[in-house]
Amino acid sequence: MDGYHASVPVHKRSATMQITSRPMPLPDYGKSPSSPAVTPEQVSQARNEALTKKDELQAQSEEKATARRAMAVSYTANQQDKAVVERYLEASGQESDSKSDRKSVV
Protein backbone atom coordinates (compact mmCIF):
# COMPACT_ATOMS: atom_id res chain seq x y z
CA MET A 1 0.00 0.00 0.00
CA ASP A 2 1.17 3.49 -0.75
CA GLY A 3 1.05 6.34 1.77
CA TYR A 4 -2.32 7.67 0.66
CA HIS A 5 -4.25 4.43 0.89
CA ALA A 6 -2.70 3.59 4.23
CA SER A 7 -4.07 6.82 5.73
CA VAL A 8 -7.66 6.26 4.53
CA PRO A 9 -9.68 4.62 7.28
CA VAL A 10 -11.26 1.32 6.40
CA HIS A 11 -14.81 0.76 7.61
CA LYS A 12 -15.84 -2.75 8.37
CA ARG A 13 -19.49 -1.97 7.85
CA SER A 14 -20.32 -0.33 4.54
CA ALA A 15 -23.46 1.65 3.88
CA THR A 16 -25.74 -0.26 1.57
CA MET A 17 -28.92 0.78 -0.16
CA GLN A 18 -31.95 -1.12 0.91
CA ILE A 19 -33.78 -2.59 -2.01
CA THR A 20 -37.42 -3.41 -1.59
CA SER A 21 -39.61 -5.38 -3.88
CA ARG A 22 -42.40 -2.80 -3.63
CA PRO A 23 -42.23 -0.07 -6.29
CA MET A 24 -42.54 3.57 -5.27
CA PRO A 25 -46.08 4.87 -5.79
CA LEU A 26 -46.27 7.38 -8.63
CA PRO A 27 -48.27 10.55 -8.15
CA ASP A 28 -51.66 10.54 -9.79
CA TYR A 29 -51.31 13.28 -12.37
CA GLY A 30 -54.91 12.98 -13.51
CA LYS A 31 -56.42 14.14 -10.23
CA SER A 32 -54.79 17.51 -9.57
CA PRO A 33 -52.79 19.11 -12.36
CA SER A 34 -49.97 21.37 -11.22
CA SER A 35 -51.20 24.12 -13.52
CA PRO A 36 -54.74 24.78 -14.67
CA ALA A 37 -55.62 24.06 -18.28
CA VAL A 38 -55.21 27.09 -20.52
CA THR A 39 -57.54 27.57 -23.44
CA PRO A 40 -56.22 28.58 -26.86
CA GLU A 41 -58.18 31.84 -26.52
CA GLN A 42 -56.30 32.66 -23.32
CA VAL A 43 -52.99 31.90 -25.01
CA SER A 44 -53.94 34.11 -27.94
CA GLN A 45 -55.06 36.94 -25.65
CA ALA A 46 -51.87 36.76 -23.60
CA ARG A 47 -49.76 36.77 -26.79
CA ASN A 48 -51.66 39.80 -28.13
CA GLU A 49 -51.22 41.68 -24.85
CA ALA A 50 -47.49 40.92 -24.82
CA LEU A 51 -47.11 42.08 -28.42
CA THR A 52 -49.05 45.27 -27.67
CA LYS A 53 -46.83 45.98 -24.67
CA LYS A 54 -43.73 45.30 -26.79
CA ASP A 55 -44.96 47.72 -29.47
CA GLU A 56 -45.64 50.42 -26.85
CA LEU A 57 -42.16 50.04 -25.35
CA GLN A 58 -40.58 50.14 -28.81
CA ALA A 59 -42.54 53.32 -29.68
CA GLN A 60 -41.39 54.96 -26.43
CA SER A 61 -37.80 54.00 -27.18
CA GLU A 62 -38.06 55.44 -30.69
CA GLU A 63 -39.56 58.68 -29.32
CA LYS A 64 -36.66 59.04 -26.88
CA ALA A 65 -34.13 58.36 -29.64
CA THR A 66 -35.80 60.94 -31.89
CA ALA A 67 -35.74 63.53 -29.10
CA ARG A 68 -32.05 62.81 -28.44
CA ARG A 69 -31.22 63.19 -32.13
CA ALA A 70 -33.22 66.44 -32.36
CA MET A 71 -31.37 67.84 -29.35
CA ALA A 72 -28.02 66.82 -30.83
CA VAL A 73 -28.85 68.49 -34.16
CA SER A 74 -30.04 71.63 -32.37
CA TYR A 75 -26.90 71.75 -30.23
CA THR A 76 -24.66 71.24 -33.27
CA ALA A 77 -26.48 73.96 -35.21
CA ASN A 78 -26.14 76.31 -32.22
CA GLN A 79 -22.40 75.57 -31.98
CA GLN A 80 -22.00 76.20 -35.70
CA ASP A 81 -23.85 79.52 -35.41
CA LYS A 82 -21.56 80.55 -32.55
CA ALA A 83 -18.51 79.61 -34.61
CA VAL A 84 -19.75 81.68 -37.57
CA VAL A 85 -20.31 84.72 -35.35
CA GLU A 86 -16.89 84.19 -33.76
CA ARG A 87 -15.16 84.08 -37.16
CA TYR A 88 -17.06 87.15 -38.36
CA LEU A 89 -16.07 89.16 -35.30
CA GLU A 90 -12.43 88.06 -35.59
CA ALA A 91 -12.37 88.96 -39.27
CA SER A 92 -13.84 92.40 -38.55
CA GLY A 93 -11.32 93.00 -35.75
CA GLN A 94 -13.88 93.01 -32.95
CA GLU A 95 -13.90 90.77 -29.90
CA SER A 96 -16.80 88.51 -29.16
CA ASP A 97 -18.58 88.67 -25.81
CA SER A 98 -17.25 85.26 -24.74
CA LYS A 99 -13.62 86.24 -25.41
CA SER A 100 -13.94 89.65 -23.76
CA ASP A 101 -15.56 88.01 -20.73
CA ARG A 102 -12.68 85.61 -20.40
CA LYS A 103 -10.12 88.41 -20.61
CA SER A 104 -11.89 90.58 -18.07
CA VAL A 105 -11.97 87.77 -15.49
CA VAL A 106 -8.17 87.89 -15.11
C-alpha atoms as a PDB file:
ATOM      1  CA  MET A   1       0.000   0.000   0.000  1.00  0.00           C
ATOM      2  CA  ASP A   2       1.174   3.485  -0.750  1.00  0.00           C
ATOM      3  CA  GLY A   3       1.054   6.340   1.771  1.00  0.00           C
ATOM      4  CA  TYR A   4      -2.318   7.666   0.658  1.00  0.00           C
ATOM      5  CA  HIS A   5      -4.245   4.435   0.892  1.00  0.00           C
ATOM      6  CA  ALA A   6      -2.696   3.593   4.233  1.00  0.00           C
ATOM      7  CA  SER A   7      -4.074   6.824   5.733  1.00  0.00           C
ATOM      8  CA  VAL A   8      -7.655   6.260   4.533  1.00  0.00           C
ATOM      9  CA  PRO A   9      -9.676   4.620   7.278  1.00  0.00           C
ATOM     10  CA  VAL A  10     -11.265   1.324   6.404  1.00  0.00           C
ATOM     11  CA  HIS A  11     -14.813   0.764   7.607  1.00  0.00           C
ATOM     12  CA  LYS A  12     -15.843  -2.747   8.371  1.00  0.00           C
ATOM     13  CA  ARG A  13     -19.494  -1.969   7.854  1.00  0.00           C
ATOM     14  CA  SER A  14     -20.319  -0.328   4.535  1.00  0.00           C
ATOM     15  CA  ALA A  15     -23.459   1.647   3.878  1.00  0.00           C
ATOM     16  CA  THR A  16     -25.740  -0.262   1.572  1.00  0.00           C
ATOM     17  CA  MET A  17     -28.922   0.777  -0.162  1.00  0.00           C
ATOM     18  CA  GLN A  18     -31.947  -1.117   0.914  1.00  0.00           C
ATOM     19  CA  ILE A  19     -33.782  -2.591  -2.012  1.00  0.00           C
ATOM     20  CA  THR A  20     -37.421  -3.409  -1.595  1.00  0.00           C
ATOM     21  CA  SER A  21     -39.609  -5.378  -3.883  1.00  0.00           C
ATOM     22  CA  ARG A  22     -42.400  -2.802  -3.628  1.00  0.00           C
ATOM     23  CA  PRO A  23     -42.235  -0.071  -6.295  1.00  0.00           C
ATOM     24  CA  MET A  24     -42.541   3.568  -5.273  1.00  0.00           C
ATOM     25  CA  PRO A  25     -46.079   4.867  -5.792  1.00  0.00           C
ATOM     26  CA  LEU A  26     -46.275   7.377  -8.630  1.00  0.00           C
ATOM     27  CA  PRO A  27     -48.271  10.555  -8.146  1.00  0.00           C
ATOM     28  CA  ASP A  28     -51.658  10.539  -9.785  1.00  0.00           C
ATOM     29  CA  TYR A  29     -51.306  13.285 -12.365  1.00  0.00           C
ATOM     30  CA  GLY A  30     -54.909  12.981 -13.508  1.00  0.00           C
ATOM     31  CA  LYS A  31     -56.418  14.143 -10.231  1.00  0.00           C
ATOM     32  CA  SER A  32     -54.789  17.508  -9.567  1.00  0.00           C
ATOM     33  CA  PRO A  33     -52.792  19.105 -12.357  1.00  0.00           C
ATOM     34  CA  SER A  34     -49.972  21.366 -11.215  1.00  0.00           C
ATOM     35  CA  SER A  35     -51.204  24.122 -13.515  1.00  0.00           C
ATOM     36  CA  PRO A  36     -54.741  24.777 -14.671  1.00  0.00           C
ATOM     37  CA  ALA A  37     -55.621  24.061 -18.275  1.00  0.00           C
ATOM     38  CA  VAL A  38     -55.214  27.087 -20.518  1.00  0.00           C
ATOM     39  CA  THR A  39     -57.537  27.574 -23.440  1.00  0.00           C
ATOM     40  CA  PRO A  40     -56.222  28.579 -26.863  1.00  0.00           C
ATOM     41  CA  GLU A  41     -58.176  31.838 -26.523  1.00  0.00           C
ATOM     42  CA  GLN A  42     -56.302  32.661 -23.318  1.00  0.00           C
ATOM     43  CA  VAL A  43     -52.988  31.896 -25.008  1.00  0.00           C
ATOM     44  CA  SER A  44     -53.940  34.108 -27.944  1.00  0.00           C
ATOM     45  CA  GLN A  45     -55.063  36.936 -25.653  1.00  0.00           C
ATOM     46  CA  ALA A  46     -51.865  36.763 -23.605  1.00  0.00           C
ATOM     47  CA  ARG A  47     -49.764  36.771 -26.785  1.00  0.00           C
ATOM     48  CA  ASN A  48     -51.663  39.800 -28.132  1.00  0.00           C
ATOM     49  CA  GLU A  49     -51.221  41.680 -24.851  1.00  0.00           C
ATOM     50  CA  ALA A  50     -47.493  40.918 -24.822  1.00  0.00           C
ATOM     51  CA  LEU A  51     -47.107  42.083 -28.425  1.00  0.00           C
ATOM     52  CA  THR A  52     -49.053  45.272 -27.675  1.00  0.00           C
ATOM     53  CA  LYS A  53     -46.828  45.982 -24.666  1.00  0.00           C
ATOM     54  CA  LYS A  54     -43.734  45.304 -26.786  1.00  0.00           C
ATOM     55  CA  ASP A  55     -44.963  47.721 -29.466  1.00  0.00           C
ATOM     56  CA  GLU A  56     -45.637  50.416 -26.850  1.00  0.00           C
ATOM     57  CA  LEU A  57     -42.158  50.045 -25.351  1.00  0.00           C
ATOM     58  CA  GLN A  58     -40.583  50.145 -28.805  1.00  0.00           C
ATOM     59  CA  ALA A  59     -42.537  53.315 -29.681  1.00  0.00           C
ATOM     60  CA  GLN A  60     -41.386  54.958 -26.433  1.00  0.00           C
ATOM     61  CA  SER A  61     -37.803  53.996 -27.182  1.00  0.00           C
ATOM     62  CA  GLU A  62     -38.063  55.442 -30.690  1.00  0.00           C
ATOM     63  CA  GLU A  63     -39.557  58.681 -29.322  1.00  0.00           C
ATOM     64  CA  LYS A  64     -36.664  59.041 -26.878  1.00  0.00           C
ATOM     65  CA  ALA A  65     -34.128  58.361 -29.637  1.00  0.00           C
ATOM     66  CA  THR A  66     -35.804  60.939 -31.890  1.00  0.00           C
ATOM     67  CA  ALA A  67     -35.743  63.535 -29.104  1.00  0.00           C
ATOM     68  CA  ARG A  68     -32.048  62.810 -28.440  1.00  0.00           C
ATOM     69  CA  ARG A  69     -31.215  63.194 -32.133  1.00  0.00           C
ATOM     70  CA  ALA A  70     -33.218  66.443 -32.365  1.00  0.00           C
ATOM     71  CA  MET A  71     -31.366  67.842 -29.352  1.00  0.00           C
ATOM     72  CA  ALA A  72     -28.019  66.818 -30.834  1.00  0.00           C
ATOM     73  CA  VAL A  73     -28.852  68.486 -34.155  1.00  0.00           C
ATOM     74  CA  SER A  74     -30.042  71.631 -32.371  1.00  0.00           C
ATOM     75  CA  TYR A  75     -26.900  71.749 -30.232  1.00  0.00           C
ATOM     76  CA  THR A  76     -24.665  71.236 -33.273  1.00  0.00           C
ATOM     77  CA  ALA A  77     -26.480  73.960 -35.210  1.00  0.00           C
ATOM     78  CA  ASN A  78     -26.140  76.305 -32.225  1.00  0.00           C
ATOM     79  CA  GLN A  79     -22.399  75.572 -31.976  1.00  0.00           C
ATOM     80  CA  GLN A  80     -22.001  76.198 -35.703  1.00  0.00           C
ATOM     81  CA  ASP A  81     -23.847  79.520 -35.406  1.00  0.00           C
ATOM     82  CA  LYS A  82     -21.564  80.552 -32.549  1.00  0.00           C
ATOM     83  CA  ALA A  83     -18.510  79.611 -34.607  1.00  0.00           C
ATOM     84  CA  VAL A  84     -19.752  81.678 -37.569  1.00  0.00           C
ATOM     85  CA  VAL A  85     -20.313  84.718 -35.351  1.00  0.00           C
ATOM     86  CA  GLU A  86     -16.889  84.194 -33.756  1.00  0.00           C
ATOM     87  CA  ARG A  87     -15.157  84.077 -37.155  1.00  0.00           C
ATOM     88  CA  TYR A  88     -17.063  87.149 -38.360  1.00  0.00           C
ATOM     89  CA  LEU A  89     -16.069  89.161 -35.304  1.00  0.00           C
ATOM     90  CA  GLU A  90     -12.430  88.056 -35.588  1.00  0.00           C
ATOM     91  CA  ALA A  91     -12.370  88.960 -39.269  1.00  0.00           C
ATOM     92  CA  SER A  92     -13.835  92.397 -38.548  1.00  0.00           C
ATOM     93  CA  GLY A  93     -11.319  93.001 -35.746  1.00  0.00           C
ATOM     94  CA  GLN A  94     -13.877  93.014 -32.954  1.00  0.00           C
ATOM     95  CA  GLU A  95     -13.903  90.769 -29.904  1.00  0.00           C
ATOM     96  CA  SER A  96     -16.802  88.508 -29.161  1.00  0.00           C
ATOM     97  CA  ASP A  97     -18.577  88.669 -25.812  1.00  0.00           C
ATOM     98  CA  SER A  98     -17.248  85.265 -24.744  1.00  0.00           C
ATOM     99  CA  LYS A  99     -13.622  86.244 -25.406  1.00  0.00           C
ATOM    100  CA  SER A 100     -13.935  89.653 -23.763  1.00  0.00           C
ATOM    101  CA  ASP A 101     -15.563  88.007 -20.734  1.00  0.00           C
ATOM    102  CA  ARG A 102     -12.680  85.608 -20.397  1.00  0.00           C
ATOM    103  CA  LYS A 103     -10.116  88.406 -20.606  1.00  0.00           C
ATOM    104  CA  SER A 104     -11.890  90.581 -18.067  1.00  0.00           C
ATOM    105  CA  VAL A 105     -11.968  87.772 -15.490  1.00  0.00           C
ATOM    106  CA  VAL A 106      -8.166  87.890 -15.109  1.00  0.00           C
END
